Amino acid sequence: MHKLKQRFIYLRNVEAAMALLLPLVFCWYWSSAPGQVDWTLGIVALGAVSYLLMQGALYWHLKLRALDDGNTLPAWFGKLFRTFKLSNQCVLAAAGAAFGAQIGIHGWRTTYAWPLAILVFAMLEHINYYHYQLMYDTSNALQYLVRRRRLRRAALGTDLQRALPA
């Protein structure tokens, strides 16, 4: 139980820290290379990533609280995270449309590369949280992947399905 609690604390803290630090680091880096990045698309992509990472931090915080209290996730968990899931899809679709529009109007520009990579990362984070686990950073997770030869269902997605069956 102690190891699981440490894992939840680690995941919560890293997700929250990255939600704040990634935008700061990228904005600092981009400001040191003027003209290298489309700032509008960059801010949109960073906003999407931070929004997703904060959801992850909240999820791991709620899991930690449930572990400490010996209870389940709060009753409002399902509705909130289903709303998050839908809003993520809207944000990612709108960001993708913004990229498509810019490329359609101006053609491909190298200034789109960083923002596009960050948007793809945001999409992968959404999949990692709500659909399939994409991060395999423990020996047990790797053993699961090797043994079953398929991706594991995402923990948040599984908890969401339990909270609000379709």
C-alpha atoms as a PDB file:
ATOM      1  CA  MET A   1       0.000   0.000   0.000  1.00  0.00           C
ATOM      2  CA  HIS A   2       2.864   2.362   0.842  1.00  0.00           C
ATOM      3  CA  LYS A   3       4.426   1.858  -2.614  1.00  0.00           C
ATOM      4  CA  LEU A   4       1.101   2.567  -4.318  1.00  0.00           C
ATOM      5  CA  LYS A   5       0.661   5.745  -2.270  1.00  0.00           C
ATOM      6  CA  GLN A   6       4.159   6.905  -3.246  1.00  0.00           C
ATOM      7  CA  ARG A   7       3.349   6.196  -6.893  1.00  0.00           C
ATOM      8  CA  PHE A   8       0.133   8.252  -6.762  1.00  0.00           C
ATOM      9  CA  ILE A   9       1.966  11.141  -5.058  1.00  0.00           C
ATOM     10  CA  TYR A  10       4.711  11.018  -7.674  1.00  0.00           C
ATOM     11  CA  LEU A  11       2.260  10.937 -10.591  1.00  0.00           C
ATOM     12  CA  ARG A  12       0.142  13.770  -9.151  1.00  0.00           C
ATOM     13  CA  ASN A  13       3.148  15.991  -8.474  1.00  0.00           C
ATOM     14  CA  VAL A  14       4.860  15.364 -11.807  1.00  0.00           C
ATOM     15  CA  GLU A  15       1.672  15.962 -13.803  1.00  0.00           C
ATOM     16  CA  ALA A  16       0.975  19.240 -11.958  1.00  0.00           C
ATOM     17  CA  ALA A  17       4.583  20.423 -12.233  1.00  0.00           C
ATOM     18  CA  MET A  18       4.736  19.649 -15.944  1.00  0.00           C
ATOM     19  CA  ALA A  19       1.436  21.464 -16.552  1.00  0.00           C
ATOM     20  CA  LEU A  20       3.134  24.607 -15.277  1.00  0.00           C
ATOM     21  CA  LEU A  21       6.741  24.056 -16.328  1.00  0.00           C
ATOM     22  CA  LEU A  22       6.275  22.937 -19.941  1.00  0.00           C
ATOM     23  CA  PRO A  23       4.662  26.208 -21.052  1.00  0.00           C
ATOM     24  CA  LEU A  24       7.296  28.222 -19.195  1.00  0.00           C
ATOM     25  CA  VAL A  25      10.192  26.269 -20.699  1.00  0.00           C
ATOM     26  CA  PHE A  26       8.822  26.366 -24.227  1.00  0.00           C
ATOM     27  CA  CYS A  27       7.942  30.073 -24.056  1.00  0.00           C
ATOM     28  CA  TRP A  28      11.412  30.863 -22.727  1.00  0.00           C
ATOM     29  CA  TYR A  29      13.019  28.759 -25.469  1.00  0.00           C
ATOM     30  CA  TRP A  30      10.838  30.229 -28.197  1.00  0.00           C
ATOM     31  CA  SER A  31      11.494  33.791 -27.063  1.00  0.00           C
ATOM     32  CA  SER A  32      15.228  33.165 -27.420  1.00  0.00           C
ATOM     33  CA  ALA A  33      14.699  32.148 -31.063  1.00  0.00           C
ATOM     34  CA  PRO A  34      12.526  34.908 -32.581  1.00  0.00           C
ATOM     35  CA  GLY A  35      10.728  34.006 -35.774  1.00  0.00           C
ATOM     36  CA  GLN A  36      11.243  30.283 -35.241  1.00  0.00           C
ATOM     37  CA  VAL A  37       7.784  29.463 -33.860  1.00  0.00           C
ATOM     38  CA  ASP A  38       4.214  30.437 -34.652  1.00  0.00           C
ATOM     39  CA  TRP A  39       3.291  31.788 -31.211  1.00  0.00           C
ATOM     40  CA  THR A  40      -0.459  31.607 -31.699  1.00  0.00           C
ATOM     41  CA  LEU A  41      -0.407  27.914 -32.560  1.00  0.00           C
ATOM     42  CA  GLY A  42       2.240  27.320 -29.894  1.00  0.00           C
ATOM     43  CA  ILE A  43       0.108  28.830 -27.140  1.00  0.00           C
ATOM     44  CA  VAL A  44      -2.920  26.844 -28.322  1.00  0.00           C
ATOM     45  CA  ALA A  45      -0.924  23.595 -28.237  1.00  0.00           C
ATOM     46  CA  LEU A  46       0.668  24.379 -24.858  1.00  0.00           C
ATOM     47  CA  GLY A  47      -2.748  25.257 -23.450  1.00  0.00           C
ATOM     48  CA  ALA A  48      -4.114  21.892 -24.591  1.00  0.00           C
ATOM     49  CA  VAL A  49      -1.195  20.003 -23.013  1.00  0.00           C
ATOM     50  CA  SER A  50      -1.458  21.901 -19.730  1.00  0.00           C
ATOM     51  CA  TYR A  51      -5.213  21.354 -19.591  1.00  0.00           C
ATOM     52  CA  LEU A  52      -4.709  17.605 -20.008  1.00  0.00           C
ATOM     53  CA  LEU A  53      -1.851  17.422 -17.504  1.00  0.00           C
ATOM     54  CA  MET A  54      -3.941  19.221 -14.873  1.00  0.00           C
ATOM     55  CA  GLN A  55      -6.667  16.632 -15.398  1.00  0.00           C
ATOM     56  CA  GLY A  56      -4.072  13.932 -14.777  1.00  0.00           C
ATOM     57  CA  ALA A  57      -2.888  15.686 -11.610  1.00  0.00           C
ATOM     58  CA  LEU A  58      -6.470  15.941 -10.340  1.00  0.00           C
ATOM     59  CA  TYR A  59      -7.138  12.285 -11.138  1.00  0.00           C
ATOM     60  CA  TRP A  60      -4.053  11.066  -9.247  1.00  0.00           C
ATOM     61  CA  HIS A  61      -4.924  13.386  -6.358  1.00  0.00           C
ATOM     62  CA  LEU A  62      -8.412  11.871  -6.154  1.00  0.00           C
ATOM     63  CA  LYS A  63      -6.968   8.344  -6.339  1.00  0.00           C
ATOM     64  CA  LEU A  64      -4.567   9.219  -3.506  1.00  0.00           C
ATOM     65  CA  ARG A  65      -7.384  10.632  -1.385  1.00  0.00           C
ATOM     66  CA  ALA A  66      -9.480   7.529  -2.009  1.00  0.00           C
ATOM     67  CA  LEU A  67      -6.521   5.345  -1.012  1.00  0.00           C
ATOM     68  CA  ASP A  68      -5.956   7.360   2.181  1.00  0.00           C
ATOM     69  CA  ASP A  69      -9.641   7.347   3.132  1.00  0.00           C
ATOM     70  CA  GLY A  70     -10.210   3.724   2.142  1.00  0.00           C
ATOM     71  CA  ASN A  71     -13.079   4.912  -0.071  1.00  0.00           C
ATOM     72  CA  THR A  72     -13.831   5.073  -3.731  1.00  0.00           C
ATOM     73  CA  LEU A  73     -13.563   8.075  -6.007  1.00  0.00           C
ATOM     74  CA  PRO A  74     -16.063  10.875  -5.233  1.00  0.00           C
ATOM     75  CA  ALA A  75     -19.580  10.630  -6.642  1.00  0.00           C
ATOM     76  CA  TRP A  76     -18.963  13.619  -8.937  1.00  0.00           C
ATOM     77  CA  PHE A  77     -15.837  12.044 -10.479  1.00  0.00           C
ATOM     78  CA  GLY A  78     -17.653  10.393 -13.392  1.00  0.00           C
ATOM     79  CA  LYS A  79     -19.553  13.453 -14.561  1.00  0.00           C
ATOM     80  CA  LEU A  80     -16.553  15.757 -14.209  1.00  0.00           C
ATOM     81  CA  PHE A  81     -14.147  13.513 -16.101  1.00  0.00           C
ATOM     82  CA  ARG A  82     -16.680  12.672 -18.787  1.00  0.00           C
ATOM     83  CA  THR A  83     -16.995  16.447 -19.282  1.00  0.00           C
ATOM     84  CA  PHE A  84     -13.207  16.726 -19.383  1.00  0.00           C
ATOM     85  CA  LYS A  85     -13.040  13.941 -21.970  1.00  0.00           C
ATOM     86  CA  LEU A  86     -15.577  15.660 -24.207  1.00  0.00           C
ATOM     87  CA  SER A  87     -13.948  19.070 -23.766  1.00  0.00           C
ATOM     88  CA  ASN A  88     -10.549  17.550 -24.647  1.00  0.00           C
ATOM     89  CA  GLN A  89     -11.971  16.232 -27.884  1.00  0.00           C
ATOM     90  CA  CYS A  90     -13.381  19.696 -28.686  1.00  0.00           C
ATOM     91  CA  VAL A  91     -10.117  21.476 -27.796  1.00  0.00           C
ATOM     92  CA  LEU A  92      -8.007  19.030 -29.794  1.00  0.00           C
ATOM     93  CA  ALA A  93     -10.356  19.190 -32.790  1.00  0.00           C
ATOM     94  CA  ALA A  94     -10.373  23.009 -32.710  1.00  0.00           C
ATOM     95  CA  ALA A  95      -6.578  23.110 -32.420  1.00  0.00           C
ATOM     96  CA  GLY A  96      -6.269  20.647 -35.295  1.00  0.00           C
ATOM     97  CA  ALA A  97      -8.628  22.798 -37.369  1.00  0.00           C
ATOM     98  CA  ALA A  98      -6.530  25.885 -36.558  1.00  0.00           C
ATOM     99  CA  PHE A  99      -3.424  24.090 -37.788  1.00  0.00           C
ATOM    100  CA  GLY A 100      -5.236  22.894 -40.879  1.00  0.00           C
ATOM    101  CA  ALA A 101      -6.468  26.404 -41.625  1.00  0.00           C
ATOM    102  CA  GLN A 102      -3.015  27.929 -41.221  1.00  0.00           C
ATOM    103  CA  ILE A 103      -1.429  25.300 -43.441  1.00  0.00           C
ATOM    104  CA  GLY A 104      -4.250  25.673 -45.973  1.00  0.00           C
ATOM    105  CA  ILE A 105      -3.830  29.459 -46.093  1.00  0.00           C
ATOM    106  CA  HIS A 106      -0.042  29.787 -45.853  1.00  0.00           C
ATOM    107  CA  GLY A 107       1.244  26.331 -46.770  1.00  0.00           C
ATOM    108  CA  TRP A 108       3.625  24.438 -44.508  1.00  0.00           C
ATOM    109  CA  ARG A 109       6.009  26.617 -42.539  1.00  0.00           C
ATOM    110  CA  THR A 110       8.787  25.423 -40.294  1.00  0.00           C
ATOM    111  CA  THR A 111       7.391  27.703 -37.585  1.00  0.00           C
ATOM    112  CA  TYR A 112       4.552  25.186 -37.212  1.00  0.00           C
ATOM    113  CA  ALA A 113       6.851  22.278 -36.304  1.00  0.00           C
ATOM    114  CA  TRP A 114       7.158  22.848 -32.529  1.00  0.00           C
ATOM    115  CA  PRO A 115       3.485  23.688 -32.014  1.00  0.00           C
ATOM    116  CA  LEU A 116       2.420  20.690 -34.097  1.00  0.00           C
ATOM    117  CA  ALA A 117       4.691  18.347 -32.130  1.00  0.00           C
ATOM    118  CA  ILE A 118       3.220  19.671 -28.875  1.00  0.00           C
ATOM    119  CA  LEU A 119      -0.323  19.225 -30.208  1.00  0.00           C
ATOM    120  CA  VAL A 120       0.482  15.604 -31.131  1.00  0.00           C
ATOM    121  CA  PHE A 121       1.802  15.158 -27.574  1.00  0.00           C
ATOM    122  CA  ALA A 122      -1.516  16.534 -26.243  1.00  0.00           C
ATOM    123  CA  MET A 123      -3.404  14.014 -28.384  1.00  0.00           C
ATOM    124  CA  LEU A 124      -1.216  11.193 -27.076  1.00  0.00           C
ATOM    125  CA  GLU A 125      -1.828  12.354 -23.490  1.00  0.00           C
ATOM    126  CA  HIS A 126      -5.588  12.214 -24.106  1.00  0.00           C
ATOM    127  CA  ILE A 127      -5.253   8.665 -25.394  1.00  0.00           C
ATOM    128  CA  ASN A 128      -2.983   7.787 -22.449  1.00  0.00           C
ATOM    129  CA  TYR A 129      -5.530   9.069 -19.914  1.00  0.00           C
ATOM    130  CA  TYR A 130      -8.862   8.059 -21.395  1.00  0.00           C
ATOM    131  CA  HIS A 131      -8.231   5.101 -23.694  1.00  0.00           C
ATOM    132  CA  TYR A 132      -4.976   3.131 -23.578  1.00  0.00           C
ATOM    133  CA  GLN A 133      -1.935   3.375 -21.358  1.00  0.00           C
ATOM    134  CA  LEU A 134       0.969   4.576 -23.482  1.00  0.00           C
ATOM    135  CA  MET A 135       3.530   5.029 -20.697  1.00  0.00           C
ATOM    136  CA  TYR A 136       5.152   1.803 -19.483  1.00  0.00           C
ATOM    137  CA  ASP A 137       7.662   2.894 -16.876  1.00  0.00           C
ATOM    138  CA  THR A 138       7.529   0.072 -14.331  1.00  0.00           C
ATOM    139  CA  SER A 139       8.585  -3.541 -14.602  1.00  0.00           C
ATOM    140  CA  ASN A 140       5.010  -4.727 -13.937  1.00  0.00           C
ATOM    141  CA  ALA A 141       3.656  -2.545 -16.723  1.00  0.00           C
ATOM    142  CA  LEU A 142       6.313  -3.791 -19.134  1.00  0.00           C
ATOM    143  CA  GLN A 143       5.630  -7.407 -18.151  1.00  0.00           C
ATOM    144  CA  TYR A 144       1.927  -6.851 -18.874  1.00  0.00           C
ATOM    145  CA  LEU A 145       2.769  -5.453 -22.305  1.00  0.00           C
ATOM    146  CA  VAL A 146       5.123  -8.328 -23.171  1.00  0.00           C
ATOM    147  CA  ARG A 147       2.877 -11.044 -21.759  1.00  0.00           C
ATOM    148  CA  ARG A 148      -0.382  -9.839 -23.344  1.00  0.00           C
ATOM    149  CA  ARG A 149       1.097  -8.210 -26.481  1.00  0.00           C
ATOM    150  CA  ARG A 150      -1.415  -5.376 -26.314  1.00  0.00           C
ATOM    151  CA  LEU A 151      -1.778  -2.019 -24.655  1.00  0.00           C
ATOM    152  CA  ARG A 152      -3.342  -1.855 -21.209  1.00  0.00           C
ATOM    153  CA  ARG A 153      -6.581   0.089 -20.738  1.00  0.00           C
ATOM    154  CA  ALA A 154      -5.942   3.510 -19.197  1.00  0.00           C
ATOM    155  CA  ALA A 155      -6.552   3.666 -15.437  1.00  0.00           C
ATOM    156  CA  LEU A 156      -8.590   6.865 -15.695  1.00  0.00           C
ATOM    157  CA  GLY A 157     -10.605   5.453 -18.579  1.00  0.00           C
ATOM    158  CA  THR A 158     -11.329   2.289 -16.608  1.00  0.00           C
ATOM    159  CA  ASP A 159     -12.390   4.264 -13.520  1.00  0.00           C
ATOM    160  CA  LEU A 160     -14.551   6.505 -15.689  1.00  0.00           C
ATOM    161  CA  GLN A 161     -16.253   3.486 -17.239  1.00  0.00           C
ATOM    162  CA  ARG A 162     -16.961   2.085 -13.764  1.00  0.00           C
ATOM    163  CA  ALA A 163     -18.324   5.425 -12.565  1.00  0.00           C
ATOM    164  CA  LEU A 164     -20.603   5.993 -15.571  1.00  0.00           C
ATOM    165  CA  PRO A 165     -21.278   2.804 -17.520  1.00  0.00           C
ATOM    166  CA  ALA A 166     -22.336   3.474 -21.107  1.00  0.00           C
END
